[in-house]
PDB file of N, CA and C in Angstrom:
ATOM      1  N   MET A   1      38.438  75.876 104.138  1.00  0.00           N
ATOM      2  CA  MET A   1      37.257  75.317 104.782  1.00  0.00           C
ATOM      3  C   MET A   1      37.663  74.030 105.510  1.00  0.00           C
ATOM      4  N   SER A   2      37.244  73.899 106.761  1.00  0.00           N
ATOM      5  CA  SER A   2      37.602  72.716 107.550  1.00  0.00           C
ATOM      6  C   SER A   2      36.833  71.489 107.050  1.00  0.00           C
ATOM      7  N   LEU A   3      37.307  70.335 107.464  1.00  0.00           N
ATOM      8  CA  LEU A   3      36.644  69.088 107.084  1.00  0.00           C
ATOM      9  C   LEU A   3      35.206  69.077 107.576  1.00  0.00           C
ATOM     10  N   GLN A   4      34.978  69.554 108.811  1.00  0.00           N
ATOM     11  CA  GLN A   4      33.625  69.587 109.363  1.00  0.00           C
ATOM     12  C   GLN A   4      32.724  70.505 108.535  1.00  0.00           C
ATOM     13  N   GLU A   5      33.253  71.659 108.119  1.00  0.00           N
ATOM     14  CA  GLU A   5      32.463  72.587 107.291  1.00  0.00           C
ATOM     15  C   GLU A   5      32.146  71.971 105.924  1.00  0.00           C
ATOM     16  N   GLN A   6      33.122  71.271 105.349  1.00  0.00           N
ATOM     17  CA  GLN A   6      32.887  70.588 104.070  1.00  0.00           C
ATOM     18  C   GLN A   6      31.826  69.503 104.227  1.00  0.00           C
ATOM     19  N   PHE A   7      31.889  68.784 105.353  1.00  0.00           N
ATOM     20  CA  PHE A   7      30.915  67.727 105.641  1.00  0.00           C
ATOM     21  C   PHE A   7      29.514  68.313 105.754  1.00  0.00           C
ATOM     22  N   GLU A   8      29.393  69.421 106.474  1.00  0.00           N
ATOM     23  CA  GLU A   8      28.094  70.068 106.622  1.00  0.00           C
ATOM     24  C   GLU A   8      27.575  70.592 105.283  1.00  0.00           C
ATOM     25  N   GLN A   9      28.478  71.112 104.441  1.00  0.00           N
ATOM     26  CA  GLN A   9      28.071  71.579 103.112  1.00  0.00           C
ATOM     27  C   GLN A   9      27.612  70.397 102.258  1.00  0.00           C
ATOM     28  N   ALA A  10      28.311  69.272 102.355  1.00  0.00           N
ATOM     29  CA  ALA A  10      27.925  68.077 101.596  1.00  0.00           C
ATOM     30  C   ALA A  10      26.550  67.581 102.046  1.00  0.00           C
ATOM     31  N   GLN A  11      26.249  67.689 103.344  1.00  0.00           N
ATOM     32  CA  GLN A  11      24.924  67.304 103.848  1.00  0.00           C
ATOM     33  C   GLN A  11      23.849  68.162 103.190  1.00  0.00           C
ATOM     34  N   ALA A  12      24.104  69.468 103.121  1.00  0.00           N
ATOM     35  CA  ALA A  12      23.143  70.379 102.483  1.00  0.00           C
ATOM     36  C   ALA A  12      23.021  70.050 100.995  1.00  0.00           C
ATOM     37  N   ASP A  13      24.152  69.795 100.349  1.00  0.00           N
ATOM     38  CA  ASP A  13      24.151  69.477  98.917  1.00  0.00           C
ATOM     39  C   ASP A  13      23.410  68.180  98.628  1.00  0.00           C
ATOM     40  N   SER A  14      23.449  67.242  99.572  1.00  0.00           N
ATOM     41  CA  SER A  14      22.812  65.937  99.351  1.00  0.00           C
ATOM     42  C   SER A  14      21.303  66.063  99.202  1.00  0.00           C
ATOM     43  N   LYS A  15      20.748  67.137  99.733  1.00  0.00           N
ATOM     44  CA  LYS A  15      19.301  67.343  99.643  1.00  0.00           C
ATOM     45  C   LYS A  15      18.883  67.972  98.312  1.00  0.00           C
ATOM     46  N   ASN A  16      19.870  68.417  97.532  1.00  0.00           N
ATOM     47  CA  ASN A  16      19.580  69.097  96.265  1.00  0.00           C
ATOM     48  C   ASN A  16      20.289  68.450  95.079  1.00  0.00           C
ATOM     49  N   LEU A  17      20.424  67.139  95.102  1.00  0.00           N
ATOM     50  CA  LEU A  17      21.067  66.444  93.986  1.00  0.00           C
ATOM     51  C   LEU A  17      20.169  66.511  92.748  1.00  0.00           C
ATOM     52  N   PRO A  18      20.771  66.530  91.559  1.00  0.00           N
ATOM     53  CA  PRO A  18      19.967  66.633  90.337  1.00  0.00           C
ATOM     54  C   PRO A  18      19.005  65.458  90.139  1.00  0.00           C
ATOM     55  N   GLU A  19      19.397  64.271  90.590  1.00  0.00           N
ATOM     56  CA  GLU A  19      18.489  63.118  90.517  1.00  0.00           C
ATOM     57  C   GLU A  19      18.708  62.233  91.733  1.00  0.00           C
ATOM     58  N   ARG A  20      17.682  61.446  92.050  1.00  0.00           N
ATOM     59  CA  ARG A  20      17.742  60.567  93.220  1.00  0.00           C
ATOM     60  C   ARG A  20      18.706  59.416  92.933  1.00  0.00           C
ATOM     61  N   PRO A  21      19.694  59.213  93.818  1.00  0.00           N
ATOM     62  CA  PRO A  21      20.632  58.097  93.631  1.00  0.00           C
ATOM     63  C   PRO A  21      19.921  56.746  93.761  1.00  0.00           C
ATOM     64  N   ASP A  22      20.538  55.699  93.221  1.00  0.00           N
ATOM     65  CA  ASP A  22      19.974  54.357  93.351  1.00  0.00           C
ATOM     66  C   ASP A  22      20.081  53.898  94.809  1.00  0.00           C
ATOM     67  N   ASN A  23      19.384  52.830  95.133  1.00  0.00           N
ATOM     68  CA  ASN A  23      19.299  52.367  96.528  1.00  0.00           C
ATOM     69  C   ASN A  23      20.658  52.014  97.134  1.00  0.00           C
ATOM     70  N   MET A  24      21.541  51.415  96.352  1.00  0.00           N
ATOM     71  CA  MET A  24      22.861  51.051  96.887  1.00  0.00           C
ATOM     72  C   MET A  24      23.658  52.308  97.236  1.00  0.00           C
ATOM     73  N   THR A  25      23.545  53.336  96.409  1.00  0.00           N
ATOM     74  CA  THR A  25      24.237  54.597  96.687  1.00  0.00           C
ATOM     75  C   THR A  25      23.626  55.276  97.913  1.00  0.00           C
ATOM     76  N   LEU A  26      22.307  55.228  98.027  1.00  0.00           N
ATOM     77  CA  LEU A  26      21.643  55.801  99.204  1.00  0.00           C
ATOM     78  C   LEU A  26      22.106  55.097 100.480  1.00  0.00           C
ATOM     79  N   LEU A  27      22.266  53.785 100.424  1.00  0.00           N
ATOM     80  CA  LEU A  27      22.765  53.038 101.593  1.00  0.00           C
ATOM     81  C   LEU A  27      24.179  53.484 101.945  1.00  0.00           C
ATOM     82  N   LYS A  28      25.009  53.699 100.931  1.00  0.00           N
ATOM     83  CA  LYS A  28      26.386  54.135 101.173  1.00  0.00           C
ATOM     84  C   LYS A  28      26.399  55.532 101.794  1.00  0.00           C
ATOM     85  N   ILE A  29      25.548  56.427 101.285  1.00  0.00           N
ATOM     86  CA  ILE A  29      25.444  57.779 101.846  1.00  0.00           C
ATOM     87  C   ILE A  29      25.039  57.691 103.320  1.00  0.00           C
ATOM     88  N   TYR A  30      24.017  56.892 103.594  1.00  0.00           N
ATOM     89  CA  TYR A  30      23.535  56.717 104.975  1.00  0.00           C
ATOM     90  C   TYR A  30      24.644  56.172 105.874  1.00  0.00           C
ATOM     91  N   ALA A  31      25.305  55.116 105.408  1.00  0.00           N
ATOM     92  CA  ALA A  31      26.331  54.461 106.220  1.00  0.00           C
ATOM     93  C   ALA A  31      27.495  55.408 106.504  1.00  0.00           C
ATOM     94  N   LEU A  32      27.939  56.144 105.499  1.00  0.00           N
ATOM     95  CA  LEU A  32      29.039  57.080 105.706  1.00  0.00           C
ATOM     96  C   LEU A  32      28.640  58.197 106.664  1.00  0.00           C
ATOM     97  N   PHE A  33      27.409  58.684 106.535  1.00  0.00           N
ATOM     98  CA  PHE A  33      26.932  59.725 107.441  1.00  0.00           C
ATOM     99  C   PHE A  33      26.918  59.225 108.883  1.00  0.00           C
ATOM    100  N   LYS A  34      26.364  58.037 109.096  1.00  0.00           N
ATOM    101  CA  LYS A  34      26.285  57.479 110.452  1.00  0.00           C
ATOM    102  C   LYS A  34      27.685  57.234 111.029  1.00  0.00           C
ATOM    103  N   GLN A  35      28.582  56.690 110.208  1.00  0.00           N
ATOM    104  CA  GLN A  35      29.940  56.412 110.680  1.00  0.00           C
ATOM    105  C   GLN A  35      30.650  57.714 111.037  1.00  0.00           C
ATOM    106  N   ALA A  36      30.436  58.750 110.230  1.00  0.00           N
ATOM    107  CA  ALA A  36      31.097  60.039 110.468  1.00  0.00           C
ATOM    108  C   ALA A  36      30.534  60.744 111.695  1.00  0.00           C
ATOM    109  N   SER A  37      29.238  60.605 111.929  1.00  0.00           N
ATOM    110  CA  SER A  37      28.623  61.367 113.012  1.00  0.00           C
ATOM    111  C   SER A  37      28.443  60.586 114.312  1.00  0.00           C
ATOM    112  N   VAL A  38      28.341  59.251 114.238  1.00  0.00           N
ATOM    113  CA  VAL A  38      28.097  58.449 115.439  1.00  0.00           C
ATOM    114  C   VAL A  38      29.274  57.528 115.764  1.00  0.00           C
ATOM    115  N   GLY A  39      29.925  57.005 114.743  1.00  0.00           N
ATOM    116  CA  GLY A  39      31.000  56.037 114.948  1.00  0.00           C
ATOM    117  C   GLY A  39      30.515  54.653 114.550  1.00  0.00           C
ATOM    118  N   ASP A  40      31.184  53.633 115.053  1.00  0.00           N
ATOM    119  CA  ASP A  40      30.835  52.253 114.702  1.00  0.00           C
ATOM    120  C   ASP A  40      29.390  51.922 115.062  1.00  0.00           C
ATOM    121  N   ALA A  41      28.799  51.061 114.251  1.00  0.00           N
ATOM    122  CA  ALA A  41      27.418  50.622 114.478  1.00  0.00           C
ATOM    123  C   ALA A  41      27.313  49.958 115.843  1.00  0.00           C
ATOM    124  N   SER A  42      26.201  50.224 116.501  1.00  0.00           N
ATOM    125  CA  SER A  42      25.981  49.628 117.812  1.00  0.00           C
ATOM    126  C   SER A  42      24.518  49.237 117.927  1.00  0.00           C
ATOM    127  N   GLY A  43      24.218  48.472 118.930  1.00  0.00           N
ATOM    128  CA  GLY A  43      22.847  48.047 119.140  1.00  0.00           C
ATOM    129  C   GLY A  43      22.536  46.757 118.413  1.00  0.00           C
ATOM    130  N   GLU A  44      21.292  46.363 118.502  1.00  0.00           N
ATOM    131  CA  GLU A  44      20.829  45.119 117.897  1.00  0.00           C
ATOM    132  C   GLU A  44      20.645  45.277 116.392  1.00  0.00           C
ATOM    133  N   ARG A  45      21.010  44.251 115.658  1.00  0.00           N
ATOM    134  CA  ARG A  45      20.731  44.222 114.221  1.00  0.00           C
ATOM    135  C   ARG A  45      19.227  44.017 114.062  1.00  0.00           C
ATOM    136  N   PRO A  46      18.564  44.853 113.239  1.00  0.00           N
ATOM    137  CA  PRO A  46      17.117  44.694 113.062  1.00  0.00           C
ATOM    138  C   PRO A  46      16.754  43.288 112.592  1.00  0.00           C
ATOM    139  N   GLY A  47      15.559  42.871 112.947  1.00  0.00           N
ATOM    140  CA  GLY A  47      15.093  41.537 112.612  1.00  0.00           C
ATOM    141  C   GLY A  47      14.829  41.343 111.129  1.00  0.00           C
ATOM    142  N   PHE A  48      14.580  40.109 110.770  1.00  0.00           N
ATOM    143  CA  PHE A  48      14.388  39.722 109.366  1.00  0.00           C
ATOM    144  C   PHE A  48      13.216  40.452 108.719  1.00  0.00           C
ATOM    145  N   THR A  49      12.198  40.790 109.500  1.00  0.00           N
ATOM    146  CA  THR A  49      11.013  41.440 108.926  1.00  0.00           C
ATOM    147  C   THR A  49      11.245  42.917 108.606  1.00  0.00           C
ATOM    148  N   ASP A  50      12.282  43.521 109.177  1.00  0.00           N
ATOM    149  CA  ASP A  50      12.614  44.923 108.902  1.00  0.00           C
ATOM    150  C   ASP A  50      13.758  44.957 107.896  1.00  0.00           C
ATOM    151  N   MET A  51      13.428  44.708 106.626  1.00  0.00           N
ATOM    152  CA  MET A  51      14.471  44.588 105.607  1.00  0.00           C
ATOM    153  C   MET A  51      15.222  45.895 105.372  1.00  0.00           C
ATOM    154  N   VAL A  52      14.522  47.023 105.405  1.00  0.00           N
ATOM    155  CA  VAL A  52      15.179  48.317 105.174  1.00  0.00           C
ATOM    156  C   VAL A  52      16.131  48.627 106.334  1.00  0.00           C
ATOM    157  N   GLY A  53      15.635  48.482 107.564  1.00  0.00           N
ATOM    158  CA  GLY A  53      16.471  48.724 108.731  1.00  0.00           C
ATOM    159  C   GLY A  53      17.681  47.810 108.765  1.00  0.00           C
ATOM    160  N   ARG A  54      17.472  46.563 108.377  1.00  0.00           N
ATOM    161  CA  ARG A  54      18.552  45.582 108.353  1.00  0.00           C
ATOM    162  C   ARG A  54      19.611  45.956 107.319  1.00  0.00           C
ATOM    163  N   ALA A  55      19.175  46.391 106.132  1.00  0.00           N
ATOM    164  CA  ALA A  55      20.109  46.799 105.076  1.00  0.00           C
ATOM    165  C   ALA A  55      20.911  48.026 105.511  1.00  0.00           C
ATOM    166  N   LYS A  56      20.236  48.978 106.159  1.00  0.00           N
ATOM    167  CA  LYS A  56      20.924  50.171 106.644  1.00  0.00           C
ATOM    168  C   LYS A  56      21.959  49.796 107.708  1.00  0.00           C
ATOM    169  N   PHE A  57      21.562  48.943 108.650  1.00  0.00           N
ATOM    170  CA  PHE A  57      22.478  48.529 109.708  1.00  0.00           C
ATOM    171  C   PHE A  57      23.687  47.804 109.117  1.00  0.00           C
ATOM    172  N   ASP A  58      23.441  46.897 108.172  1.00  0.00           N
ATOM    173  CA  ASP A  58      24.536  46.136 107.565  1.00  0.00           C
ATOM    174  C   ASP A  58      25.505  47.037 106.809  1.00  0.00           C
ATOM    175  N   ALA A  59      24.965  48.034 106.089  1.00  0.00           N
ATOM    176  CA  ALA A  59      25.824  48.965 105.348  1.00  0.00           C
ATOM    177  C   ALA A  59      26.686  49.764 106.329  1.00  0.00           C
ATOM    178  N   TRP A  60      26.082  50.207 107.429  1.00  0.00           N
ATOM    179  CA  TRP A  60      26.821  50.967 108.445  1.00  0.00           C
ATOM    180  C   TRP A  60      27.848  50.072 109.124  1.00  0.00           C
ATOM    181  N   ASP A  61      27.452  48.865 109.489  1.00  0.00           N
ATOM    182  CA  ASP A  61      28.336  47.936 110.184  1.00  0.00           C
ATOM    183  C   ASP A  61      29.554  47.563 109.327  1.00  0.00           C
ATOM    184  N   ALA A  62      29.396  47.582 107.999  1.00  0.00           N
ATOM    185  CA  ALA A  62      30.500  47.255 107.092  1.00  0.00           C
ATOM    186  C   ALA A  62      31.627  48.285 107.187  1.00  0.00           C
ATOM    187  N   LEU A  63      31.334  49.459 107.719  1.00  0.00           N
ATOM    188  CA  LEU A  63      32.346  50.514 107.845  1.00  0.00           C
ATOM    189  C   LEU A  63      33.032  50.510 109.211  1.00  0.00           C
ATOM    190  N   LYS A  64      32.770  49.497 110.014  1.00  0.00           N
ATOM    191  CA  LYS A  64      33.348  49.409 111.362  1.00  0.00           C
ATOM    192  C   LYS A  64      34.863  49.604 111.292  1.00  0.00           C
ATOM    193  N   GLY A  65      35.359  50.471 112.158  1.00  0.00           N
ATOM    194  CA  GLY A  65      36.796  50.733 112.207  1.00  0.00           C
ATOM    195  C   GLY A  65      37.229  51.929 111.368  1.00  0.00           C
ATOM    196  N   THR A  66      36.344  52.441 110.520  1.00  0.00           N
ATOM    197  CA  THR A  66      36.661  53.624 109.720  1.00  0.00           C
ATOM    198  C   THR A  66      36.603  54.843 110.637  1.00  0.00           C
ATOM    199  N   SER A  67      37.631  55.688 110.573  1.00  0.00           N
ATOM    200  CA  SER A  67      37.642  56.873 111.437  1.00  0.00           C
ATOM    201  C   SER A  67      36.579  57.865 110.993  1.00  0.00           C
ATOM    202  N   ALA A  68      36.168  58.732 111.908  1.00  0.00           N
ATOM    203  CA  ALA A  68      35.153  59.747 111.601  1.00  0.00           C
ATOM    204  C   ALA A  68      35.635  60.653 110.471  1.00  0.00           C
ATOM    205  N   ASP A  69      36.904  61.076 110.528  1.00  0.00           N
ATOM    206  CA  ASP A  69      37.433  61.968 109.491  1.00  0.00           C
ATOM    207  C   ASP A  69      37.470  61.287 108.130  1.00  0.00           C
ATOM    208  N   GLU A  70      37.853  60.016 108.112  1.00  0.00           N
ATOM    209  CA  GLU A  70      37.890  59.275 106.852  1.00  0.00           C
ATOM    210  C   GLU A  70      36.476  59.116 106.284  1.00  0.00           C
ATOM    211  N   ALA A  71      35.510  58.817 107.143  1.00  0.00           N
ATOM    212  CA  ALA A  71      34.122  58.675 106.704  1.00  0.00           C
ATOM    213  C   ALA A  71      33.583  60.011 106.190  1.00  0.00           C
ATOM    214  N   LYS A  72      33.929  61.097 106.858  1.00  0.00           N
ATOM    215  CA  LYS A  72      33.499  62.419 106.395  1.00  0.00           C
ATOM    216  C   LYS A  72      34.047  62.708 105.005  1.00  0.00           C
ATOM    217  N   GLN A  73      35.330  62.415 104.798  1.00  0.00           N
ATOM    218  CA  GLN A  73      35.945  62.683 103.497  1.00  0.00           C
ATOM    219  C   GLN A  73      35.295  61.826 102.406  1.00  0.00           C
ATOM    220  N   GLN A  74      35.033  60.563 102.696  1.00  0.00           N
ATOM    221  CA  GLN A  74      34.374  59.688 101.715  1.00  0.00           C
ATOM    222  C   GLN A  74      32.970  60.199 101.407  1.00  0.00           C
ATOM    223  N   TYR A  75      32.262  60.681 102.415  1.00  0.00           N
ATOM    224  CA  TYR A  75      30.915  61.244 102.241  1.00  0.00           C
ATOM    225  C   TYR A  75      30.988  62.473 101.331  1.00  0.00           C
ATOM    226  N   ILE A  76      31.918  63.367 101.627  1.00  0.00           N
ATOM    227  CA  ILE A  76      32.104  64.588 100.827  1.00  0.00           C
ATOM    228  C   ILE A  76      32.391  64.223  99.379  1.00  0.00           C
ATOM    229  N   ASP A  77      33.301  63.281  99.165  1.00  0.00           N
ATOM    230  CA  ASP A  77      33.669  62.862  97.798  1.00  0.00           C
ATOM    231  C   ASP A  77      32.493  62.237  97.065  1.00  0.00           C
ATOM    232  N   LEU A  78      31.715  61.412  97.762  1.00  0.00           N
ATOM    233  CA  LEU A  78      30.570  60.746  97.134  1.00  0.00           C
ATOM    234  C   LEU A  78      29.506  61.771  96.712  1.00  0.00           C
ATOM    235  N   ILE A  79      29.194  62.708  97.573  1.00  0.00           N
ATOM    236  CA  ILE A  79      28.197  63.735  97.244  1.00  0.00           C
ATOM    237  C   ILE A  79      28.710  64.590  96.084  1.00  0.00           C
ATOM    238  N   ALA A  80      29.997  64.925  96.084  1.00  0.00           N
ATOM    239  CA  ALA A  80      30.565  65.718  94.981  1.00  0.00           C
ATOM    240  C   ALA A  80      30.437  64.975  93.659  1.00  0.00           C
ATOM    241  N   ASP A  81      30.646  63.649  93.674  1.00  0.00           N
ATOM    242  CA  ASP A  81      30.514  62.844  92.455  1.00  0.00           C
ATOM    243  C   ASP A  81      29.074  62.811  91.945  1.00  0.00           C
ATOM    244  N   LEU A  82      28.117  62.922  92.859  1.00  0.00           N
ATOM    245  CA  LEU A  82      26.706  62.835  92.476  1.00  0.00           C
ATOM    246  C   LEU A  82      26.141  64.163  91.976  1.00  0.00           C
ATOM    247  N   LYS A  83      26.850  65.255  92.234  1.00  0.00           N
ATOM    248  CA  LYS A  83      26.353  66.569  91.827  1.00  0.00           C
ATOM    249  C   LYS A  83      26.496  66.803  90.333  1.00  0.00           C
TER     250      LYS A  83
END
């Protein structure tokens, strides 16, 4: 199975986890997904009043420079650990 196929399977698996991950883990899942599918964070950092958007942006921005393949593998590993 190719890395892309494993990534897509992990995306499907993420919707059927036995329990909801904590917020920090959810941020990591989001950030790895965005880095793998879009690349480095871009655009304006959300304002102070948008705390959720700001946390998501910061988590994604922390992965700046991580390759798409590396982010995909980390995403796959994280979802596998949560299953």
